[in-house]
Structures are given as C-alpha cells and as structure tokens.
N, C-alpha and C. Protein backbone atom coordinates (compact mmCIF):
# COMPACT_ATOMS: atom_id res chain seq x y z
N TRP A 1 -108.00 53.54 -0.63
CA TRP A 1 -107.80 52.33 -1.42
C TRP A 1 -106.84 51.41 -0.71
N ALA A 2 -107.18 50.15 -0.70
CA ALA A 2 -106.28 49.13 -0.19
C ALA A 2 -105.24 48.85 -1.26
N ASP A 3 -104.18 48.16 -0.90
CA ASP A 3 -103.18 47.74 -1.88
C ASP A 3 -103.78 46.60 -2.68
N VAL A 4 -104.27 46.92 -3.88
CA VAL A 4 -105.01 45.95 -4.70
C VAL A 4 -104.16 45.58 -5.91
N GLU A 5 -104.04 44.29 -6.14
CA GLU A 5 -103.35 43.81 -7.33
C GLU A 5 -104.37 43.08 -8.20
N VAL A 6 -104.46 43.51 -9.45
CA VAL A 6 -105.36 42.85 -10.40
C VAL A 6 -104.53 42.40 -11.58
N ARG A 7 -104.91 41.27 -12.17
CA ARG A 7 -104.15 40.72 -13.29
C ARG A 7 -105.08 40.34 -14.43
N ILE A 8 -104.57 40.53 -15.64
CA ILE A 8 -105.26 40.05 -16.83
C ILE A 8 -104.29 39.14 -17.57
N PRO A 9 -104.78 38.32 -18.51
CA PRO A 9 -103.93 37.31 -19.15
C PRO A 9 -102.79 37.85 -20.00
N ASP A 10 -102.80 39.13 -20.36
CA ASP A 10 -101.75 39.68 -21.21
C ASP A 10 -101.51 41.13 -20.84
N THR A 11 -100.78 41.85 -21.65
CA THR A 11 -100.40 43.23 -21.38
C THR A 11 -101.61 44.15 -21.24
N PRO A 12 -101.73 44.88 -20.11
CA PRO A 12 -102.82 45.86 -19.99
C PRO A 12 -102.48 47.12 -20.79
N PHE A 13 -103.48 47.68 -21.47
CA PHE A 13 -103.31 48.92 -22.22
C PHE A 13 -103.93 50.10 -21.50
N ASP A 14 -105.03 49.87 -20.78
CA ASP A 14 -105.72 50.97 -20.12
C ASP A 14 -106.32 50.49 -18.81
N VAL A 15 -106.28 51.35 -17.81
CA VAL A 15 -106.87 51.10 -16.50
C VAL A 15 -107.68 52.34 -16.15
N GLN A 16 -108.94 52.15 -15.77
CA GLN A 16 -109.81 53.27 -15.42
C GLN A 16 -110.53 52.97 -14.12
N VAL A 17 -110.55 53.94 -13.21
CA VAL A 17 -111.30 53.83 -11.96
C VAL A 17 -112.63 54.55 -12.17
N SER A 18 -113.72 53.92 -11.73
CA SER A 18 -115.05 54.52 -11.90
C SER A 18 -115.11 55.85 -11.15
N PRO A 19 -115.97 56.78 -11.59
CA PRO A 19 -116.05 58.09 -10.94
C PRO A 19 -116.34 58.03 -9.44
N ASP A 20 -117.10 57.03 -9.00
CA ASP A 20 -117.38 56.92 -7.57
C ASP A 20 -116.30 56.16 -6.81
N GLY A 21 -115.27 55.69 -7.53
CA GLY A 21 -114.14 55.02 -6.90
C GLY A 21 -114.39 53.60 -6.45
N THR A 22 -115.48 52.98 -6.85
CA THR A 22 -115.81 51.64 -6.36
C THR A 22 -115.37 50.51 -7.28
N ARG A 23 -115.05 50.83 -8.56
CA ARG A 23 -114.71 49.78 -9.52
C ARG A 23 -113.46 50.16 -10.32
N ILE A 24 -112.74 49.13 -10.72
CA ILE A 24 -111.57 49.29 -11.58
C ILE A 24 -111.84 48.50 -12.86
N ALA A 25 -111.67 49.13 -14.01
CA ALA A 25 -111.81 48.45 -15.29
C ALA A 25 -110.42 48.39 -15.94
N VAL A 26 -110.08 47.22 -16.48
CA VAL A 26 -108.79 47.03 -17.12
C VAL A 26 -109.02 46.35 -18.46
N ALA A 27 -108.31 46.83 -19.47
CA ALA A 27 -108.38 46.22 -20.80
C ALA A 27 -106.98 46.19 -21.38
N GLY A 28 -106.80 45.32 -22.36
CA GLY A 28 -105.46 45.20 -22.91
C GLY A 28 -105.40 44.41 -24.19
N HIS A 29 -104.35 43.62 -24.29
CA HIS A 29 -104.05 42.89 -25.51
C HIS A 29 -105.09 41.81 -25.81
N VAL A 30 -105.83 41.38 -24.80
CA VAL A 30 -106.88 40.38 -24.99
C VAL A 30 -108.20 41.09 -25.30
N PRO A 31 -109.19 40.41 -25.90
CA PRO A 31 -110.42 41.08 -26.33
C PRO A 31 -111.49 41.25 -25.25
N ASP A 32 -111.12 41.29 -23.99
CA ASP A 32 -112.08 41.35 -22.90
C ASP A 32 -111.86 42.58 -22.04
N VAL A 33 -112.87 42.95 -21.27
CA VAL A 33 -112.79 44.02 -20.28
C VAL A 33 -112.98 43.38 -18.92
N TYR A 34 -112.05 43.63 -18.01
CA TYR A 34 -112.05 43.02 -16.68
C TYR A 34 -112.44 44.06 -15.65
N LEU A 35 -113.31 43.66 -14.69
CA LEU A 35 -113.73 44.57 -13.63
C LEU A 35 -113.45 43.98 -12.26
N TRP A 36 -113.02 44.87 -11.35
CA TRP A 36 -112.79 44.51 -9.96
C TRP A 36 -113.40 45.57 -9.06
N SER A 37 -113.71 45.16 -7.84
CA SER A 37 -114.14 46.12 -6.82
C SER A 37 -112.89 46.80 -6.29
N ARG A 38 -113.07 47.86 -5.54
CA ARG A 38 -111.91 48.57 -4.99
C ARG A 38 -111.16 47.71 -3.97
N SER A 39 -111.79 46.65 -3.46
CA SER A 39 -111.10 45.75 -2.54
C SER A 39 -110.35 44.64 -3.27
N GLY A 40 -110.48 44.60 -4.61
CA GLY A 40 -109.78 43.59 -5.39
C GLY A 40 -110.61 42.38 -5.74
N GLU A 41 -111.88 42.38 -5.37
CA GLU A 41 -112.77 41.26 -5.69
C GLU A 41 -113.16 41.33 -7.17
N PRO A 42 -112.98 40.21 -7.92
CA PRO A 42 -113.39 40.23 -9.33
C PRO A 42 -114.89 40.42 -9.47
N LEU A 43 -115.28 41.34 -10.36
CA LEU A 43 -116.70 41.61 -10.60
C LEU A 43 -117.18 41.05 -11.92
N GLY A 44 -116.24 40.64 -12.77
CA GLY A 44 -116.66 40.05 -14.03
C GLY A 44 -115.69 40.31 -15.16
N VAL A 45 -115.88 39.55 -16.22
CA VAL A 45 -115.14 39.72 -17.46
C VAL A 45 -116.19 39.95 -18.54
N TRP A 46 -116.11 41.10 -19.18
CA TRP A 46 -117.07 41.45 -20.21
C TRP A 46 -116.48 41.14 -21.56
N LYS A 47 -117.17 40.30 -22.31
CA LYS A 47 -116.70 39.83 -23.61
C LYS A 47 -117.53 40.43 -24.73
N GLY A 48 -116.88 40.75 -25.85
CA GLY A 48 -117.61 41.30 -26.98
C GLY A 48 -116.70 41.70 -28.12
N HIS A 49 -115.49 42.12 -27.79
CA HIS A 49 -114.55 42.50 -28.84
C HIS A 49 -113.90 41.26 -29.45
N SER A 50 -113.39 41.40 -30.67
CA SER A 50 -112.69 40.28 -31.31
C SER A 50 -111.19 40.56 -31.43
N GLY A 51 -110.75 41.68 -30.89
CA GLY A 51 -109.32 42.03 -30.91
C GLY A 51 -108.96 42.72 -29.61
N SER A 52 -107.74 43.23 -29.52
CA SER A 52 -107.28 43.91 -28.31
C SER A 52 -108.14 45.13 -28.02
N VAL A 53 -108.08 45.60 -26.78
CA VAL A 53 -108.89 46.73 -26.33
C VAL A 53 -107.95 47.80 -25.77
N PRO A 54 -107.57 48.79 -26.61
CA PRO A 54 -106.58 49.77 -26.17
C PRO A 54 -107.10 50.90 -25.30
N CYS A 55 -108.43 51.11 -25.24
CA CYS A 55 -108.88 52.26 -24.44
C CYS A 55 -110.26 52.04 -23.83
N LEU A 56 -110.44 52.70 -22.67
CA LEU A 56 -111.67 52.65 -21.89
C LEU A 56 -112.04 54.05 -21.44
N ALA A 57 -113.30 54.28 -21.13
CA ALA A 57 -113.73 55.54 -20.52
C ALA A 57 -115.04 55.32 -19.77
N TRP A 58 -115.11 55.80 -18.54
CA TRP A 58 -116.35 55.77 -17.76
C TRP A 58 -117.16 57.01 -18.08
N SER A 59 -118.48 56.89 -18.08
CA SER A 59 -119.33 58.07 -18.17
C SER A 59 -119.21 58.81 -16.84
N PRO A 60 -119.45 60.13 -16.83
CA PRO A 60 -119.32 60.89 -15.58
C PRO A 60 -120.18 60.37 -14.44
N ASP A 61 -121.33 59.77 -14.75
CA ASP A 61 -122.18 59.23 -13.68
C ASP A 61 -121.80 57.79 -13.31
N GLY A 62 -120.84 57.19 -14.02
CA GLY A 62 -120.37 55.85 -13.71
C GLY A 62 -121.29 54.73 -14.15
N ALA A 63 -122.39 55.05 -14.81
CA ALA A 63 -123.35 54.03 -15.23
C ALA A 63 -122.89 53.30 -16.49
N LEU A 64 -122.06 53.94 -17.31
CA LEU A 64 -121.62 53.37 -18.58
C LEU A 64 -120.11 53.30 -18.65
N LEU A 65 -119.62 52.31 -19.36
CA LEU A 65 -118.19 52.18 -19.64
C LEU A 65 -118.04 51.96 -21.14
N ALA A 66 -117.25 52.77 -21.79
CA ALA A 66 -116.99 52.59 -23.22
C ALA A 66 -115.66 51.87 -23.39
N SER A 67 -115.60 50.98 -24.37
CA SER A 67 -114.35 50.29 -24.70
C SER A 67 -114.15 50.36 -26.21
N GLY A 68 -112.92 50.59 -26.60
CA GLY A 68 -112.59 50.65 -28.02
C GLY A 68 -111.66 49.52 -28.36
N GLY A 69 -112.01 48.77 -29.40
CA GLY A 69 -111.21 47.62 -29.76
C GLY A 69 -110.48 47.78 -31.07
N SER A 70 -109.43 46.99 -31.23
CA SER A 70 -108.71 46.97 -32.50
C SER A 70 -109.59 46.41 -33.61
N ASP A 71 -110.72 45.81 -33.23
CA ASP A 71 -111.69 45.33 -34.22
C ASP A 71 -112.52 46.47 -34.80
N GLY A 72 -112.31 47.70 -34.30
CA GLY A 72 -113.04 48.86 -34.79
C GLY A 72 -114.34 49.13 -34.06
N ASP A 73 -114.72 48.25 -33.13
CA ASP A 73 -115.96 48.43 -32.40
C ASP A 73 -115.81 49.44 -31.27
N VAL A 74 -116.80 50.28 -31.11
CA VAL A 74 -116.97 51.11 -29.93
C VAL A 74 -118.12 50.48 -29.17
N ARG A 75 -117.81 49.87 -28.04
CA ARG A 75 -118.84 49.22 -27.23
C ARG A 75 -119.13 50.07 -26.01
N VAL A 76 -120.40 50.21 -25.71
CA VAL A 76 -120.82 50.91 -24.51
C VAL A 76 -121.50 49.89 -23.61
N TRP A 77 -120.95 49.73 -22.41
CA TRP A 77 -121.37 48.69 -21.48
C TRP A 77 -122.21 49.27 -20.35
N ARG A 78 -123.24 48.52 -19.97
CA ARG A 78 -124.02 48.81 -18.76
C ARG A 78 -124.27 47.47 -18.09
N ASP A 79 -123.71 47.30 -16.91
CA ASP A 79 -123.90 46.07 -16.13
C ASP A 79 -123.56 44.80 -16.91
N GLY A 80 -122.48 44.83 -17.70
CA GLY A 80 -122.02 43.65 -18.40
C GLY A 80 -122.62 43.41 -19.76
N THR A 81 -123.63 44.18 -20.13
CA THR A 81 -124.24 44.07 -21.45
C THR A 81 -123.79 45.26 -22.27
N SER A 82 -123.45 45.01 -23.55
CA SER A 82 -122.96 46.11 -24.37
C SER A 82 -123.78 46.27 -25.64
N PHE A 83 -123.68 47.47 -26.20
CA PHE A 83 -124.19 47.70 -27.54
C PHE A 83 -123.08 48.37 -28.33
N VAL A 84 -123.09 48.19 -29.63
CA VAL A 84 -122.04 48.71 -30.50
C VAL A 84 -122.55 49.98 -31.17
N LEU A 85 -121.74 51.01 -31.13
CA LEU A 85 -122.05 52.24 -31.84
C LEU A 85 -121.43 52.18 -33.22
N HIS A 86 -122.20 52.52 -34.21
CA HIS A 86 -121.71 52.50 -35.59
C HIS A 86 -121.35 53.91 -36.03
N GLY A 87 -120.54 54.01 -37.07
CA GLY A 87 -120.09 55.30 -37.54
C GLY A 87 -118.79 55.72 -36.89
N HIS A 88 -118.10 54.76 -36.31
CA HIS A 88 -116.87 55.01 -35.57
C HIS A 88 -115.65 54.96 -36.48
N LEU A 89 -114.52 55.19 -35.90
CA LEU A 89 -113.25 55.14 -36.62
C LEU A 89 -112.73 53.71 -36.66
N SER A 90 -111.69 53.47 -37.44
CA SER A 90 -111.18 52.11 -37.57
C SER A 90 -110.60 51.60 -36.26
N GLU A 91 -109.90 52.43 -35.51
CA GLU A 91 -109.37 51.99 -34.22
C GLU A 91 -109.17 53.20 -33.31
N PRO A 92 -110.24 53.69 -32.68
CA PRO A 92 -110.08 54.85 -31.81
C PRO A 92 -109.18 54.54 -30.63
N THR A 93 -108.39 55.51 -30.21
CA THR A 93 -107.49 55.31 -29.08
C THR A 93 -107.81 56.22 -27.91
N ARG A 94 -108.79 57.10 -28.07
CA ARG A 94 -109.19 58.00 -26.99
C ARG A 94 -110.71 58.13 -27.00
N TYR A 95 -111.26 58.23 -25.79
CA TYR A 95 -112.70 58.40 -25.63
C TYR A 95 -112.98 59.46 -24.59
N SER A 96 -114.12 60.09 -24.73
CA SER A 96 -114.65 60.91 -23.66
C SER A 96 -116.16 60.96 -23.79
N PHE A 97 -116.83 60.79 -22.68
CA PHE A 97 -118.26 61.07 -22.63
C PHE A 97 -118.42 62.56 -22.39
N THR A 98 -119.57 63.11 -22.79
CA THR A 98 -119.89 64.47 -22.39
C THR A 98 -120.40 64.45 -20.96
N ARG A 99 -120.40 65.59 -20.29
CA ARG A 99 -120.80 65.68 -18.89
C ARG A 99 -122.20 65.11 -18.66
N ASP A 100 -123.11 65.28 -19.63
CA ASP A 100 -124.47 64.78 -19.48
C ASP A 100 -124.61 63.30 -19.84
N SER A 101 -123.51 62.64 -20.22
CA SER A 101 -123.47 61.21 -20.58
C SER A 101 -124.36 60.88 -21.77
N GLU A 102 -124.73 61.87 -22.57
CA GLU A 102 -125.57 61.63 -23.73
C GLU A 102 -124.77 61.45 -25.02
N TRP A 103 -123.53 61.88 -25.03
CA TRP A 103 -122.67 61.75 -26.22
C TRP A 103 -121.37 61.11 -25.80
N ILE A 104 -120.78 60.38 -26.74
CA ILE A 104 -119.42 59.89 -26.56
C ILE A 104 -118.62 60.33 -27.78
N VAL A 105 -117.40 60.76 -27.53
CA VAL A 105 -116.51 61.15 -28.61
C VAL A 105 -115.40 60.12 -28.66
N ALA A 106 -115.20 59.54 -29.84
CA ALA A 106 -114.16 58.53 -30.05
C ALA A 106 -113.21 59.06 -31.10
N GLY A 107 -111.92 58.91 -30.85
CA GLY A 107 -111.00 59.37 -31.88
C GLY A 107 -109.56 59.31 -31.50
N ASP A 108 -108.75 59.84 -32.38
CA ASP A 108 -107.33 60.04 -32.18
C ASP A 108 -106.90 61.14 -33.13
N ARG A 109 -106.57 60.80 -34.38
CA ARG A 109 -106.20 61.83 -35.36
C ARG A 109 -107.42 62.54 -35.93
N GLU A 110 -108.57 61.92 -35.82
CA GLU A 110 -109.86 62.52 -36.17
C GLU A 110 -110.86 61.94 -35.18
N ALA A 111 -112.05 62.49 -35.15
CA ALA A 111 -113.00 62.02 -34.14
C ALA A 111 -114.40 61.92 -34.71
N VAL A 112 -115.20 61.10 -34.04
CA VAL A 112 -116.61 60.97 -34.34
C VAL A 112 -117.35 61.15 -33.02
N ALA A 113 -118.36 62.02 -33.02
CA ALA A 113 -119.22 62.19 -31.85
C ALA A 113 -120.48 61.38 -32.09
N MET A 114 -120.88 60.58 -31.10
CA MET A 114 -122.04 59.72 -31.25
C MET A 114 -123.03 59.98 -30.13
N GLN A 115 -124.28 60.25 -30.48
CA GLN A 115 -125.31 60.47 -29.48
C GLN A 115 -125.85 59.10 -29.08
N LEU A 116 -125.82 58.80 -27.79
CA LEU A 116 -126.14 57.46 -27.32
C LEU A 116 -127.60 57.07 -27.49
N ASP A 117 -128.53 57.96 -27.24
CA ASP A 117 -129.94 57.54 -27.29
C ASP A 117 -130.50 57.47 -28.70
N THR A 118 -129.93 58.18 -29.66
CA THR A 118 -130.47 58.16 -31.02
C THR A 118 -129.56 57.46 -32.02
N GLY A 119 -128.29 57.25 -31.65
CA GLY A 119 -127.34 56.65 -32.57
C GLY A 119 -126.81 57.64 -33.60
N THR A 120 -127.17 58.94 -33.45
CA THR A 120 -126.68 59.97 -34.37
C THR A 120 -125.17 60.05 -34.31
N CYS A 121 -124.54 60.08 -35.47
CA CYS A 121 -123.09 60.23 -35.55
C CYS A 121 -122.76 61.44 -36.38
N GLN A 122 -121.71 62.12 -35.99
CA GLN A 122 -121.21 63.21 -36.82
C GLN A 122 -119.71 63.28 -36.70
N ALA A 123 -119.08 63.51 -37.85
CA ALA A 123 -117.63 63.70 -37.85
C ALA A 123 -117.34 65.01 -37.14
N ASN A 124 -116.19 65.10 -36.53
CA ASN A 124 -115.82 66.29 -35.80
C ASN A 124 -114.34 66.52 -35.98
N SER A 125 -113.93 67.75 -35.86
CA SER A 125 -112.52 68.07 -36.04
C SER A 125 -111.71 67.90 -34.78
N ILE A 126 -112.27 67.27 -33.76
CA ILE A 126 -111.58 67.07 -32.49
C ILE A 126 -110.38 66.16 -32.71
N LYS A 127 -109.24 66.61 -32.24
CA LYS A 127 -108.02 65.79 -32.25
C LYS A 127 -107.36 65.99 -30.90
N GLY A 128 -106.71 64.97 -30.38
CA GLY A 128 -105.99 65.13 -29.13
C GLY A 128 -106.67 64.47 -27.96
N ALA A 129 -106.17 64.81 -26.76
CA ALA A 129 -106.68 64.24 -25.52
C ALA A 129 -108.02 64.88 -25.19
N MET A 130 -108.96 64.09 -24.62
CA MET A 130 -110.30 64.57 -24.35
C MET A 130 -110.73 64.23 -22.93
N ALA A 131 -111.60 65.08 -22.36
CA ALA A 131 -112.20 64.84 -21.04
C ALA A 131 -113.58 65.47 -21.04
N PRO A 132 -114.50 65.00 -20.16
CA PRO A 132 -115.82 65.62 -20.10
C PRO A 132 -115.71 67.12 -19.84
N GLY A 133 -116.49 67.89 -20.58
CA GLY A 133 -116.47 69.35 -20.46
C GLY A 133 -117.26 69.85 -19.28
N PRO A 134 -117.40 71.18 -19.18
CA PRO A 134 -118.04 71.77 -18.01
C PRO A 134 -119.54 71.51 -17.91
N LYS A 135 -120.22 71.31 -19.05
CA LYS A 135 -121.67 71.07 -18.98
C LYS A 135 -122.16 70.45 -20.28
N GLY A 136 -123.36 69.86 -20.21
CA GLY A 136 -124.05 69.36 -21.39
C GLY A 136 -123.19 68.60 -22.37
N PRO A 137 -123.40 68.87 -23.68
CA PRO A 137 -122.72 68.10 -24.73
C PRO A 137 -121.34 68.66 -25.08
N GLU A 138 -120.52 68.94 -24.07
CA GLU A 138 -119.21 69.55 -24.30
C GLU A 138 -118.09 68.63 -23.85
N VAL A 139 -116.95 68.76 -24.52
CA VAL A 139 -115.73 68.08 -24.10
C VAL A 139 -114.59 69.08 -24.08
N TYR A 140 -113.67 68.87 -23.11
CA TYR A 140 -112.41 69.58 -23.12
C TYR A 140 -111.50 68.84 -24.08
N VAL A 141 -110.72 69.56 -24.86
CA VAL A 141 -109.77 68.95 -25.79
C VAL A 141 -108.43 69.65 -25.60
N ALA A 142 -107.36 68.88 -25.43
CA ALA A 142 -106.01 69.43 -25.34
C ALA A 142 -105.23 68.87 -26.52
N GLU A 143 -104.72 69.78 -27.37
CA GLU A 143 -104.02 69.34 -28.57
C GLU A 143 -103.10 70.45 -29.05
N ALA A 144 -101.87 70.09 -29.43
CA ALA A 144 -100.90 71.01 -30.02
C ALA A 144 -100.73 72.29 -29.20
N GLY A 145 -100.61 72.14 -27.87
CA GLY A 145 -100.38 73.29 -27.01
C GLY A 145 -101.60 74.15 -26.77
N ARG A 146 -102.79 73.65 -27.08
CA ARG A 146 -104.03 74.41 -26.92
C ARG A 146 -105.03 73.64 -26.07
N LEU A 147 -105.88 74.39 -25.37
CA LEU A 147 -107.00 73.82 -24.63
C LEU A 147 -108.26 74.41 -25.23
N MET A 148 -109.21 73.53 -25.59
CA MET A 148 -110.46 73.98 -26.21
C MET A 148 -111.65 73.36 -25.49
N VAL A 149 -112.78 74.04 -25.57
CA VAL A 149 -114.06 73.45 -25.17
C VAL A 149 -114.88 73.35 -26.45
N VAL A 150 -115.30 72.12 -26.75
CA VAL A 150 -116.02 71.86 -28.00
C VAL A 150 -117.42 71.36 -27.66
N ASP A 151 -118.42 71.97 -28.28
CA ASP A 151 -119.79 71.50 -28.17
C ASP A 151 -119.98 70.45 -29.27
N VAL A 152 -120.06 69.17 -28.91
CA VAL A 152 -120.10 68.12 -29.93
C VAL A 152 -121.44 68.08 -30.66
N GLN A 153 -122.50 68.55 -30.05
CA GLN A 153 -123.80 68.55 -30.70
C GLN A 153 -123.83 69.61 -31.81
N GLU A 154 -123.26 70.77 -31.53
CA GLU A 154 -123.25 71.86 -32.51
C GLU A 154 -122.01 71.80 -33.41
N GLY A 155 -120.97 71.08 -32.96
CA GLY A 155 -119.73 71.02 -33.73
C GLY A 155 -118.94 72.31 -33.66
N SER A 156 -119.13 73.09 -32.60
CA SER A 156 -118.46 74.38 -32.50
C SER A 156 -117.49 74.42 -31.32
N THR A 157 -116.44 75.22 -31.48
CA THR A 157 -115.46 75.46 -30.42
C THR A 157 -115.73 76.84 -29.86
N TYR A 158 -115.91 76.94 -28.53
CA TYR A 158 -116.17 78.27 -28.00
C TYR A 158 -115.12 78.74 -27.00
N LEU A 159 -114.10 77.94 -26.76
CA LEU A 159 -112.95 78.39 -25.98
C LEU A 159 -111.72 77.78 -26.63
N ASP A 160 -110.70 78.58 -26.81
CA ASP A 160 -109.46 78.11 -27.42
C ASP A 160 -108.33 78.94 -26.83
N VAL A 161 -107.58 78.35 -25.90
CA VAL A 161 -106.51 79.09 -25.22
C VAL A 161 -105.19 78.34 -25.35
N ASN A 162 -104.09 79.06 -25.22
CA ASN A 162 -102.75 78.50 -25.27
C ASN A 162 -102.42 77.82 -23.95
N LEU A 163 -101.86 76.61 -24.00
CA LEU A 163 -101.40 75.91 -22.81
C LEU A 163 -99.91 76.20 -22.65
N ALA A 164 -99.59 77.20 -21.92
CA ALA A 164 -98.19 77.61 -21.75
C ALA A 164 -97.35 76.46 -21.20
N GLY A 165 -96.30 76.12 -21.91
CA GLY A 165 -95.38 75.09 -21.45
C GLY A 165 -95.76 73.66 -21.78
N ILE A 166 -96.90 73.44 -22.42
CA ILE A 166 -97.30 72.08 -22.80
C ILE A 166 -97.48 72.07 -24.31
N ARG A 167 -96.46 71.58 -25.02
CA ARG A 167 -96.52 71.57 -26.48
C ARG A 167 -97.32 70.42 -27.05
N ASP A 168 -97.23 69.27 -26.42
CA ASP A 168 -97.87 68.07 -26.95
C ASP A 168 -98.66 67.39 -25.83
N PRO A 169 -99.88 67.86 -25.53
CA PRO A 169 -100.65 67.27 -24.43
C PRO A 169 -100.90 65.79 -24.67
N GLY A 170 -100.58 64.98 -23.67
CA GLY A 170 -100.78 63.54 -23.79
C GLY A 170 -101.98 63.05 -23.01
N GLY A 171 -102.38 63.78 -22.00
CA GLY A 171 -103.50 63.34 -21.18
C GLY A 171 -104.22 64.53 -20.59
N ILE A 172 -105.50 64.36 -20.35
CA ILE A 172 -106.32 65.40 -19.73
C ILE A 172 -107.41 64.71 -18.94
N ASP A 173 -107.77 65.29 -17.80
CA ASP A 173 -108.90 64.78 -17.05
C ASP A 173 -109.55 65.96 -16.34
N SER A 174 -110.84 65.84 -16.09
CA SER A 174 -111.57 66.91 -15.42
C SER A 174 -112.17 66.38 -14.13
N SER A 175 -112.40 67.29 -13.20
CA SER A 175 -113.02 66.92 -11.93
C SER A 175 -114.48 66.52 -12.17
N PRO A 176 -115.10 65.84 -11.21
CA PRO A 176 -116.49 65.42 -11.40
C PRO A 176 -117.46 66.56 -11.73
N ASP A 177 -117.19 67.76 -11.25
CA ASP A 177 -118.08 68.88 -11.57
C ASP A 177 -117.65 69.63 -12.82
N GLY A 178 -116.54 69.22 -13.45
CA GLY A 178 -116.08 69.83 -14.69
C GLY A 178 -115.40 71.17 -14.54
N ARG A 179 -115.14 71.60 -13.30
CA ARG A 179 -114.58 72.93 -13.09
C ARG A 179 -113.08 72.94 -12.91
N ALA A 180 -112.46 71.79 -12.74
CA ALA A 180 -111.00 71.73 -12.59
C ALA A 180 -110.43 70.75 -13.60
N LEU A 181 -109.26 71.05 -14.12
CA LEU A 181 -108.60 70.21 -15.13
C LEU A 181 -107.18 69.90 -14.72
N VAL A 182 -106.70 68.77 -15.20
CA VAL A 182 -105.27 68.48 -15.15
C VAL A 182 -104.88 68.06 -16.56
N VAL A 183 -103.78 68.63 -17.05
CA VAL A 183 -103.30 68.34 -18.39
C VAL A 183 -101.83 67.95 -18.27
N SER A 184 -101.44 66.87 -18.94
CA SER A 184 -100.03 66.48 -18.96
C SER A 184 -99.55 66.46 -20.39
N GLY A 185 -98.26 66.68 -20.55
CA GLY A 185 -97.70 66.69 -21.89
C GLY A 185 -96.39 65.93 -21.95
N SER A 186 -96.08 65.42 -23.12
CA SER A 186 -94.88 64.61 -23.27
C SER A 186 -93.60 65.44 -23.14
N TRP A 187 -93.67 66.75 -23.34
CA TRP A 187 -92.47 67.58 -23.25
C TRP A 187 -92.42 68.39 -21.97
N SER A 188 -93.51 68.50 -21.26
CA SER A 188 -93.54 69.37 -20.10
C SER A 188 -92.99 68.72 -18.85
N CYS A 189 -93.01 67.39 -18.79
CA CYS A 189 -92.51 66.61 -17.65
C CYS A 189 -93.31 66.81 -16.37
N ALA A 190 -94.37 67.60 -16.40
CA ALA A 190 -95.16 67.82 -15.18
C ALA A 190 -96.59 68.15 -15.55
N PRO A 191 -97.56 67.53 -14.87
CA PRO A 191 -98.95 67.91 -15.12
C PRO A 191 -99.22 69.31 -14.59
N ARG A 192 -100.21 69.98 -15.18
CA ARG A 192 -100.59 71.34 -14.76
C ARG A 192 -102.07 71.41 -14.48
C-alpha cells in the first residue's frame, strides 16, 4: 500500500478494505459511503442513507458492501447500486456476511440474520463482535469472553469456547479462508 490519505466531509466512523485489497470504503457522520482505490483515486460516493453511517462490511468475495445507517436501513451495495434489507434492527452497529456471501447478520445487543437472495429474515441470539465463519452460513461470534460458531440458517451454535484473557471482545476478523482468527478486547490490551 502506498501512503494514501482519504477524506470525507465529517467524522469517519468506519473504514474497511476490500478482501482483495484494491478498494477502501469509508463511512461516517454523513449519509454517504465513499470509495477509493488503493492508490487513493476516488471511485465514487454512494448515496442512499438519510442519516450517519456507523458501520460497513465487505462480503468475503468483495462483490458486496453492506452499510448500516442511523436511519435504520441496512443497505447492500453492488457497483454503486444498493437495495435495502427489511426486518433489521433500529440501528445496527456490527455486520458480518457469512463465508458463502448468502447471509448477512446485522446487530449489536441483538441480531437479525437476513438471506440475501430470498429476503428471509430471522431473529437470532447473536450478540457481540462478528466475522465470517469457516464455511457456508456460519459466523464467528466473540462475546462476554466466549468464541462461538453460529449457523445463522439453522439458528444453532455448534462451538462455544472460553477466550482466555479476553473478557469483553471488541473486534474479531477471520482470514479469507476462515481458518485463522484475530480477536481483540477492551480489557486485554492485545489482540490474540
């Protein structure tokens, strides 16, 4: 990466690099999503929200970008065009696509899993930081000192382990193949 500086008109809330490393998406206090190439060339401003945009998430294949607005909309973008998913929360602050890019989970204190091709929504007990899981319709969830793998289609948890030394996980991300994780916590002072 070159030393790239990107600016938006107000405070940025979230910055996400596409899985292939070619694009940077930034959102913030303004109702737009800004995109740049890795060289810093502006690629566009995507408009659709009516309030601030606190969170973004790329699909694992990089074809889709989800944005969550204070307007309550969950927008899924493809090449600058978006559609709104219904059945969402009032203001989700965390997103994760499943590894197969067929589901998106939006939430914070509670979550809703939404199937992209059918619009199916289901409430889920997922709380905490989320990242694409190891396969199919799964997400990794880190919450209250625990790491879980949740199948969002079935609504079931099939792995639940203690995260030694991380009481309050604040962030989680998985490698492109879903086999490696990094988890950070507000009390641990170090990612693991």
